[in-house]
Amino acid sequence: MDIEALLTAVGGRENIRTIEDELTRIRLGVNDRNFIDEQAIRNLGAYGVVIQKEAVQLILGREAVEIAAKLAQLGAEQSGN
């Protein structure tokens, strides 16, 4: 998965407060859910996207933990599972 494109689709580093990986999904705490581009995330290969008030869940399959780690390397804070 293109991590830079995913980062853009979730509103950039400044929109991510926390990252939690949960085996097949990532839960992102976000500052503003209006910056989330659900279709772009799906186009990148996500199986599903659940947008909540202050969070978004990305259903990614087996790659979720690895993708969460890569997002964290790009400057977002990772909470772990």
PDB file of N, CA and C in Angstrom:
ATOM      1  N   MET A   1       0.843  -1.175   0.000  1.00  0.00           N
ATOM      2  CA  MET A   1       0.000   0.000   0.000  1.00  0.00           C
ATOM      3  C   MET A   1       0.890   1.239   0.000  1.00  0.00           C
ATOM      4  N   ASP A   2       0.500   2.240  -0.738  1.00  0.00           N
ATOM      5  CA  ASP A   2       1.225   3.501  -0.812  1.00  0.00           C
ATOM      6  C   ASP A   2       0.948   4.297   0.469  1.00  0.00           C
ATOM      7  N   ILE A   3       1.910   4.313   1.384  1.00  0.00           N
ATOM      8  CA  ILE A   3       1.721   4.929   2.700  1.00  0.00           C
ATOM      9  C   ILE A   3       1.557   6.445   2.588  1.00  0.00           C
ATOM     10  N   GLU A   4       2.315   7.072   1.712  1.00  0.00           N
ATOM     11  CA  GLU A   4       2.177   8.527   1.530  1.00  0.00           C
ATOM     12  C   GLU A   4       0.771   8.885   1.039  1.00  0.00           C
ATOM     13  N   ALA A   5       0.240   8.097   0.103  1.00  0.00           N
ATOM     14  CA  ALA A   5      -1.113   8.333  -0.398  1.00  0.00           C
ATOM     15  C   ALA A   5      -2.142   8.094   0.697  1.00  0.00           C
ATOM     16  N   LEU A   6      -1.917   7.077   1.523  1.00  0.00           N
ATOM     17  CA  LEU A   6      -2.818   6.819   2.641  1.00  0.00           C
ATOM     18  C   LEU A   6      -2.787   7.978   3.625  1.00  0.00           C
ATOM     19  N   LEU A   7      -1.617   8.471   3.910  1.00  0.00           N
ATOM     20  CA  LEU A   7      -1.472   9.606   4.816  1.00  0.00           C
ATOM     21  C   LEU A   7      -2.235  10.818   4.282  1.00  0.00           C
ATOM     22  N   THR A   8      -2.149  11.058   2.999  1.00  0.00           N
ATOM     23  CA  THR A   8      -2.900  12.155   2.374  1.00  0.00           C
ATOM     24  C   THR A   8      -4.399  11.906   2.488  1.00  0.00           C
ATOM     25  N   ALA A   9      -4.829  10.667   2.267  1.00  0.00           N
ATOM     26  CA  ALA A   9      -6.256  10.329   2.292  1.00  0.00           C
ATOM     27  C   ALA A   9      -6.884  10.459   3.672  1.00  0.00           C
ATOM     28  N   VAL A  10      -6.057  10.410   4.722  1.00  0.00           N
ATOM     29  CA  VAL A  10      -6.595  10.584   6.074  1.00  0.00           C
ATOM     30  C   VAL A  10      -6.383  12.005   6.597  1.00  0.00           C
ATOM     31  N   GLY A  11      -5.962  12.891   5.732  1.00  0.00           N
ATOM     32  CA  GLY A  11      -5.850  14.296   6.106  1.00  0.00           C
ATOM     33  C   GLY A  11      -4.466  14.758   6.511  1.00  0.00           C
ATOM     34  N   GLY A  12      -3.481  13.910   6.303  1.00  0.00           N
ATOM     35  CA  GLY A  12      -2.100  14.287   6.613  1.00  0.00           C
ATOM     36  C   GLY A  12      -1.723  14.048   8.064  1.00  0.00           C
ATOM     37  N   ARG A  13      -0.420  14.191   8.337  1.00  0.00           N
ATOM     38  CA  ARG A  13       0.112  13.982   9.692  1.00  0.00           C
ATOM     39  C   ARG A  13      -0.610  14.820  10.736  1.00  0.00           C
ATOM     40  N   GLU A  14      -0.893  16.058  10.361  1.00  0.00           N
ATOM     41  CA  GLU A  14      -1.493  16.982  11.317  1.00  0.00           C
ATOM     42  C   GLU A  14      -2.918  16.593  11.704  1.00  0.00           C
ATOM     43  N   ASN A  15      -3.543  15.712  10.943  1.00  0.00           N
ATOM     44  CA  ASN A  15      -4.905  15.279  11.266  1.00  0.00           C
ATOM     45  C   ASN A  15      -4.924  14.025  12.148  1.00  0.00           C
ATOM     46  N   ILE A  16      -3.802  13.341  12.279  1.00  0.00           N
ATOM     47  CA  ILE A  16      -3.752  12.103  13.053  1.00  0.00           C
ATOM     48  C   ILE A  16      -3.269  12.396  14.471  1.00  0.00           C
ATOM     49  N   ARG A  17      -4.092  12.006  15.450  1.00  0.00           N
ATOM     50  CA  ARG A  17      -3.707  12.141  16.854  1.00  0.00           C
ATOM     51  C   ARG A  17      -3.067  10.864  17.374  1.00  0.00           C
ATOM     52  N   THR A  18      -3.666   9.721  17.065  1.00  0.00           N
ATOM     53  CA  THR A  18      -3.158   8.431  17.547  1.00  0.00           C
ATOM     54  C   THR A  18      -3.353   7.354  16.492  1.00  0.00           C
ATOM     55  N   ILE A  19      -2.563   6.289  16.610  1.00  0.00           N
ATOM     56  CA  ILE A  19      -2.696   5.121  15.744  1.00  0.00           C
ATOM     57  C   ILE A  19      -2.731   3.894  16.643  1.00  0.00           C
ATOM     58  N   GLU A  20      -3.734   3.065  16.463  1.00  0.00           N
ATOM     59  CA  GLU A  20      -3.815   1.790  17.180  1.00  0.00           C
ATOM     60  C   GLU A  20      -4.004   0.690  16.149  1.00  0.00           C
ATOM     61  N   ASP A  21      -3.126  -0.320  16.189  1.00  0.00           N
ATOM     62  CA  ASP A  21      -3.298  -1.446  15.268  1.00  0.00           C
ATOM     63  C   ASP A  21      -3.971  -2.588  16.009  1.00  0.00           C
ATOM     64  N   GLU A  22      -4.865  -3.262  15.317  1.00  0.00           N
ATOM     65  CA  GLU A  22      -5.647  -4.352  15.899  1.00  0.00           C
ATOM     66  C   GLU A  22      -5.726  -5.515  14.910  1.00  0.00           C
ATOM     67  N   LEU A  23      -4.618  -6.179  14.691  1.00  0.00           N
ATOM     68  CA  LEU A  23      -4.498  -7.328  13.792  1.00  0.00           C
ATOM     69  C   LEU A  23      -4.850  -7.018  12.341  1.00  0.00           C
ATOM     70  N   THR A  24      -6.126  -6.811  12.023  1.00  0.00           N
ATOM     71  CA  THR A  24      -6.522  -6.600  10.624  1.00  0.00           C
ATOM     72  C   THR A  24      -7.031  -5.189  10.367  1.00  0.00           C
ATOM     73  N   ARG A  25      -6.970  -4.354  11.383  1.00  0.00           N
ATOM     74  CA  ARG A  25      -7.463  -2.983  11.193  1.00  0.00           C
ATOM     75  C   ARG A  25      -6.608  -1.994  11.951  1.00  0.00           C
ATOM     76  N   ILE A  26      -6.733  -0.748  11.531  1.00  0.00           N
ATOM     77  CA  ILE A  26      -6.052   0.354  12.201  1.00  0.00           C
ATOM     78  C   ILE A  26      -7.132   1.334  12.645  1.00  0.00           C
ATOM     79  N   ARG A  27      -7.020   1.794  13.871  1.00  0.00           N
ATOM     80  CA  ARG A  27      -7.921   2.828  14.366  1.00  0.00           C
ATOM     81  C   ARG A  27      -7.099   4.099  14.539  1.00  0.00           C
ATOM     82  N   LEU A  28      -7.488   5.123  13.795  1.00  0.00           N
ATOM     83  CA  LEU A  28      -6.802   6.409  13.861  1.00  0.00           C
ATOM     84  C   LEU A  28      -7.652   7.396  14.642  1.00  0.00           C
ATOM     85  N   GLY A  29      -7.067   7.997  15.663  1.00  0.00           N
ATOM     86  CA  GLY A  29      -7.709   9.130  16.316  1.00  0.00           C
ATOM     87  C   GLY A  29      -7.417  10.336  15.444  1.00  0.00           C
ATOM     88  N   VAL A  30      -8.444  11.055  15.039  1.00  0.00           N
ATOM     89  CA  VAL A  30      -8.249  12.177  14.116  1.00  0.00           C
ATOM     90  C   VAL A  30      -8.751  13.485  14.719  1.00  0.00           C
ATOM     91  N   ASN A  31      -8.195  14.568  14.244  1.00  0.00           N
ATOM     92  CA  ASN A  31      -8.618  15.895  14.683  1.00  0.00           C
ATOM     93  C   ASN A  31      -9.892  16.338  13.981  1.00  0.00           C
ATOM     94  N   ASP A  32     -10.017  16.002  12.699  1.00  0.00           N
ATOM     95  CA  ASP A  32     -11.182  16.430  11.920  1.00  0.00           C
ATOM     96  C   ASP A  32     -11.546  15.351  10.908  1.00  0.00           C
ATOM     97  N   ARG A  33     -12.659  14.691  11.131  1.00  0.00           N
ATOM     98  CA  ARG A  33     -13.065  13.600  10.241  1.00  0.00           C
ATOM     99  C   ARG A  33     -13.449  14.092   8.846  1.00  0.00           C
ATOM    100  N   ASN A  34     -13.677  15.374   8.684  1.00  0.00           N
ATOM    101  CA  ASN A  34     -14.039  15.914   7.380  1.00  0.00           C
ATOM    102  C   ASN A  34     -12.900  15.833   6.368  1.00  0.00           C
ATOM    103  N   PHE A  35     -11.673  15.630   6.853  1.00  0.00           N
ATOM    104  CA  PHE A  35     -10.523  15.503   5.955  1.00  0.00           C
ATOM    105  C   PHE A  35     -10.316  14.076   5.451  1.00  0.00           C
ATOM    106  N   ILE A  36     -11.104  13.126   5.939  1.00  0.00           N
ATOM    107  CA  ILE A  36     -10.958  11.727   5.552  1.00  0.00           C
ATOM    108  C   ILE A  36     -11.570  11.506   4.172  1.00  0.00           C
ATOM    109  N   ASP A  37     -10.784  10.978   3.238  1.00  0.00           N
ATOM    110  CA  ASP A  37     -11.261  10.674   1.893  1.00  0.00           C
ATOM    111  C   ASP A  37     -11.501   9.167   1.808  1.00  0.00           C
ATOM    112  N   GLU A  38     -12.719   8.762   2.165  1.00  0.00           N
ATOM    113  CA  GLU A  38     -13.060   7.341   2.239  1.00  0.00           C
ATOM    114  C   GLU A  38     -12.828   6.622   0.914  1.00  0.00           C
ATOM    115  N   GLN A  39     -13.214   7.230  -0.184  1.00  0.00           N
ATOM    116  CA  GLN A  39     -13.053   6.569  -1.478  1.00  0.00           C
ATOM    117  C   GLN A  39     -11.586   6.380  -1.834  1.00  0.00           C
ATOM    118  N   ALA A  40     -10.762   7.362  -1.540  1.00  0.00           N
ATOM    119  CA  ALA A  40      -9.330   7.237  -1.813  1.00  0.00           C
ATOM    120  C   ALA A  40      -8.720   6.103  -0.989  1.00  0.00           C
ATOM    121  N   ILE A  41      -9.161   5.971   0.273  1.00  0.00           N
ATOM    122  CA  ILE A  41      -8.663   4.892   1.130  1.00  0.00           C
ATOM    123  C   ILE A  41      -9.070   3.538   0.550  1.00  0.00           C
ATOM    124  N   ARG A  42     -10.310   3.424   0.110  1.00  0.00           N
ATOM    125  CA  ARG A  42     -10.769   2.173  -0.507  1.00  0.00           C
ATOM    126  C   ARG A  42      -9.997   1.885  -1.800  1.00  0.00           C
ATOM    127  N   ASN A  43      -9.743   2.927  -2.576  1.00  0.00           N
ATOM    128  CA  ASN A  43      -8.987   2.755  -3.827  1.00  0.00           C
ATOM    129  C   ASN A  43      -7.563   2.271  -3.577  1.00  0.00           C
ATOM    130  N   LEU A  44      -7.022   2.565  -2.399  1.00  0.00           N
ATOM    131  CA  LEU A  44      -5.682   2.106  -2.038  1.00  0.00           C
ATOM    132  C   LEU A  44      -5.667   0.649  -1.599  1.00  0.00           C
ATOM    133  N   GLY A  45      -6.853   0.060  -1.414  1.00  0.00           N
ATOM    134  CA  GLY A  45      -6.917  -1.360  -1.086  1.00  0.00           C
ATOM    135  C   GLY A  45      -7.576  -1.707   0.233  1.00  0.00           C
ATOM    136  N   ALA A  46      -8.084  -0.724   0.951  1.00  0.00           N
ATOM    137  CA  ALA A  46      -8.765  -1.019   2.215  1.00  0.00           C
ATOM    138  C   ALA A  46     -10.039  -1.815   1.932  1.00  0.00           C
ATOM    139  N   TYR A  47     -10.305  -2.787   2.780  1.00  0.00           N
ATOM    140  CA  TYR A  47     -11.523  -3.588   2.651  1.00  0.00           C
ATOM    141  C   TYR A  47     -12.736  -2.827   3.166  1.00  0.00           C
ATOM    142  N   GLY A  48     -12.486  -1.896   4.071  1.00  0.00           N
ATOM    143  CA  GLY A  48     -13.573  -1.113   4.629  1.00  0.00           C
ATOM    144  C   GLY A  48     -13.046   0.093   5.366  1.00  0.00           C
ATOM    145  N   VAL A  49     -13.915   1.073   5.540  1.00  0.00           N
ATOM    146  CA  VAL A  49     -13.587   2.299   6.268  1.00  0.00           C
ATOM    147  C   VAL A  49     -14.789   2.640   7.129  1.00  0.00           C
ATOM    148  N   VAL A  50     -14.554   2.820   8.415  1.00  0.00           N
ATOM    149  CA  VAL A  50     -15.622   3.206   9.334  1.00  0.00           C
ATOM    150  C   VAL A  50     -15.238   4.548   9.939  1.00  0.00           C
ATOM    151  N   ILE A  51     -16.006   5.572   9.622  1.00  0.00           N
ATOM    152  CA  ILE A  51     -15.714   6.912  10.127  1.00  0.00           C
ATOM    153  C   ILE A  51     -16.599   7.172  11.335  1.00  0.00           C
ATOM    154  N   GLN A  52     -15.952   7.503  12.445  1.00  0.00           N
ATOM    155  CA  GLN A  52     -16.643   7.802  13.686  1.00  0.00           C
ATOM    156  C   GLN A  52     -16.433   9.276  14.025  1.00  0.00           C
ATOM    157  N   LYS A  53     -16.929   9.705  15.157  1.00  0.00           N
ATOM    158  CA  LYS A  53     -16.844  11.114  15.533  1.00  0.00           C
ATOM    159  C   LYS A  53     -15.407  11.641  15.521  1.00  0.00           C
ATOM    160  N   GLU A  54     -14.523  11.000  16.280  1.00  0.00           N
ATOM    161  CA  GLU A  54     -13.136  11.463  16.364  1.00  0.00           C
ATOM    162  C   GLU A  54     -12.139  10.368  15.989  1.00  0.00           C
ATOM    163  N   ALA A  55     -12.607   9.405  15.207  1.00  0.00           N
ATOM    164  CA  ALA A  55     -11.728   8.304  14.816  1.00  0.00           C
ATOM    165  C   ALA A  55     -12.176   7.737  13.479  1.00  0.00           C
ATOM    166  N   VAL A  56     -11.271   7.021  12.867  1.00  0.00           N
ATOM    167  CA  VAL A  56     -11.592   6.292  11.644  1.00  0.00           C
ATOM    168  C   VAL A  56     -10.927   4.922  11.749  1.00  0.00           C
ATOM    169  N   GLN A  57     -11.672   3.893  11.388  1.00  0.00           N
ATOM    170  CA  GLN A  57     -11.126   2.541  11.374  1.00  0.00           C
ATOM    171  C   GLN A  57     -10.900   2.134   9.926  1.00  0.00           C
ATOM    172  N   LEU A  58      -9.703   1.663   9.661  1.00  0.00           N
ATOM    173  CA  LEU A  58      -9.339   1.194   8.333  1.00  0.00           C
ATOM    174  C   LEU A  58      -9.207  -0.318   8.400  1.00  0.00           C
ATOM    175  N   ILE A  59     -10.029  -1.020   7.669  1.00  0.00           N
ATOM    176  CA  ILE A  59      -9.973  -2.478   7.648  1.00  0.00           C
ATOM    177  C   ILE A  59      -9.048  -2.862   6.492  1.00  0.00           C
ATOM    178  N   LEU A  60      -7.880  -3.400   6.855  1.00  0.00           N
ATOM    179  CA  LEU A  60      -6.808  -3.590   5.878  1.00  0.00           C
ATOM    180  C   LEU A  60      -6.348  -5.027   5.719  1.00  0.00           C
ATOM    181  N   GLY A  61      -6.812  -5.915   6.545  1.00  0.00           N
ATOM    182  CA  GLY A  61      -6.342  -7.291   6.467  1.00  0.00           C
ATOM    183  C   GLY A  61      -5.014  -7.468   7.172  1.00  0.00           C
ATOM    184  N   ARG A  62      -4.262  -8.474   6.774  1.00  0.00           N
ATOM    185  CA  ARG A  62      -3.020  -8.847   7.453  1.00  0.00           C
ATOM    186  C   ARG A  62      -1.951  -7.766   7.467  1.00  0.00           C
ATOM    187  N   GLU A  63      -2.046  -6.822   6.573  1.00  0.00           N
ATOM    188  CA  GLU A  63      -1.045  -5.758   6.472  1.00  0.00           C
ATOM    189  C   GLU A  63      -1.210  -4.669   7.528  1.00  0.00           C
ATOM    190  N   ALA A  64      -2.275  -4.689   8.299  1.00  0.00           N
ATOM    191  CA  ALA A  64      -2.619  -3.577   9.189  1.00  0.00           C
ATOM    192  C   ALA A  64      -1.487  -3.194  10.141  1.00  0.00           C
ATOM    193  N   VAL A  65      -0.883  -4.165  10.799  1.00  0.00           N
ATOM    194  CA  VAL A  65       0.169  -3.865  11.776  1.00  0.00           C
ATOM    195  C   VAL A  65       1.360  -3.208  11.093  1.00  0.00           C
ATOM    196  N   GLU A  66       1.748  -3.735   9.941  1.00  0.00           N
ATOM    197  CA  GLU A  66       2.871  -3.176   9.186  1.00  0.00           C
ATOM    198  C   GLU A  66       2.555  -1.756   8.697  1.00  0.00           C
ATOM    199  N   ILE A  67       1.353  -1.540   8.219  1.00  0.00           N
ATOM    200  CA  ILE A  67       0.955  -0.214   7.735  1.00  0.00           C
ATOM    201  C   ILE A  67       0.926   0.781   8.887  1.00  0.00           C
ATOM    202  N   ALA A  68       0.424   0.363  10.040  1.00  0.00           N
ATOM    203  CA  ALA A  68       0.408   1.240  11.217  1.00  0.00           C
ATOM    204  C   ALA A  68       1.824   1.653  11.596  1.00  0.00           C
ATOM    205  N   ALA A  69       2.754   0.720  11.544  1.00  0.00           N
ATOM    206  CA  ALA A  69       4.146   1.020  11.876  1.00  0.00           C
ATOM    207  C   ALA A  69       4.744   2.015  10.881  1.00  0.00           C
ATOM    208  N   LYS A  70       4.419   1.849   9.612  1.00  0.00           N
ATOM    209  CA  LYS A  70       4.926   2.775   8.594  1.00  0.00           C
ATOM    210  C   LYS A  70       4.328   4.167   8.773  1.00  0.00           C
ATOM    211  N   LEU A  71       3.047   4.241   9.102  1.00  0.00           N
ATOM    212  CA  LEU A  71       2.429   5.545   9.382  1.00  0.00           C
ATOM    213  C   LEU A  71       3.126   6.207  10.556  1.00  0.00           C
ATOM    214  N   ALA A  72       3.430   5.428  11.584  1.00  0.00           N
ATOM    215  CA  ALA A  72       4.105   5.967  12.773  1.00  0.00           C
ATOM    216  C   ALA A  72       5.492   6.490  12.406  1.00  0.00           C
ATOM    217  N   GLN A  73       6.191   5.808  11.511  1.00  0.00           N
ATOM    218  CA  GLN A  73       7.521   6.260  11.084  1.00  0.00           C
ATOM    219  C   GLN A  73       7.443   7.609  10.383  1.00  0.00           C
ATOM    220  N   LEU A  74       6.297   7.892   9.767  1.00  0.00           N
ATOM    221  CA  LEU A  74       6.151   9.158   9.051  1.00  0.00           C
ATOM    222  C   LEU A  74       5.751  10.296   9.979  1.00  0.00           C
ATOM    223  N   GLY A  75       5.703  10.035  11.265  1.00  0.00           N
ATOM    224  CA  GLY A  75       5.487  11.116  12.199  1.00  0.00           C
ATOM    225  C   GLY A  75       4.214  11.093  13.001  1.00  0.00           C
ATOM    226  N   ALA A  76       3.355  10.119  12.776  1.00  0.00           N
ATOM    227  CA  ALA A  76       2.139  10.027  13.563  1.00  0.00           C
ATOM    228  C   ALA A  76       2.432   9.199  14.813  1.00  0.00           C
ATOM    229  N   GLU A  77       1.733   9.458  15.893  1.00  0.00           N
ATOM    230  CA  GLU A  77       1.973   8.781  17.165  1.00  0.00           C
ATOM    231  C   GLU A  77       1.237   7.443  17.202  1.00  0.00           C
ATOM    232  N   GLN A  78       1.940   6.393  17.564  1.00  0.00           N
ATOM    233  CA  GLN A  78       1.335   5.067  17.608  1.00  0.00           C
ATOM    234  C   GLN A  78       1.093   4.653  19.055  1.00  0.00           C
ATOM    235  N   SER A  79      -0.139   4.222  19.322  1.00  0.00           N
ATOM    236  CA  SER A  79      -0.486   3.781  20.665  1.00  0.00           C
ATOM    237  C   SER A  79      -0.253   2.299  20.863  1.00  0.00           C
ATOM    238  N   GLY A  80      -0.261   1.524  19.805  1.00  0.00           N
ATOM    239  CA  GLY A  80      -0.084   0.081  19.913  1.00  0.00           C
ATOM    240  C   GLY A  80      -1.424  -0.612  20.098  1.00  0.00           C
ATOM    241  N   ASN A  81      -1.392  -1.894  20.400  1.00  0.00           N
ATOM    242  CA  ASN A  81      -2.645  -2.641  20.542  1.00  0.00           C
ATOM    243  C   ASN A  81      -2.823  -3.152  21.941  1.00  0.00           C
TER     244      ASN A  81
END
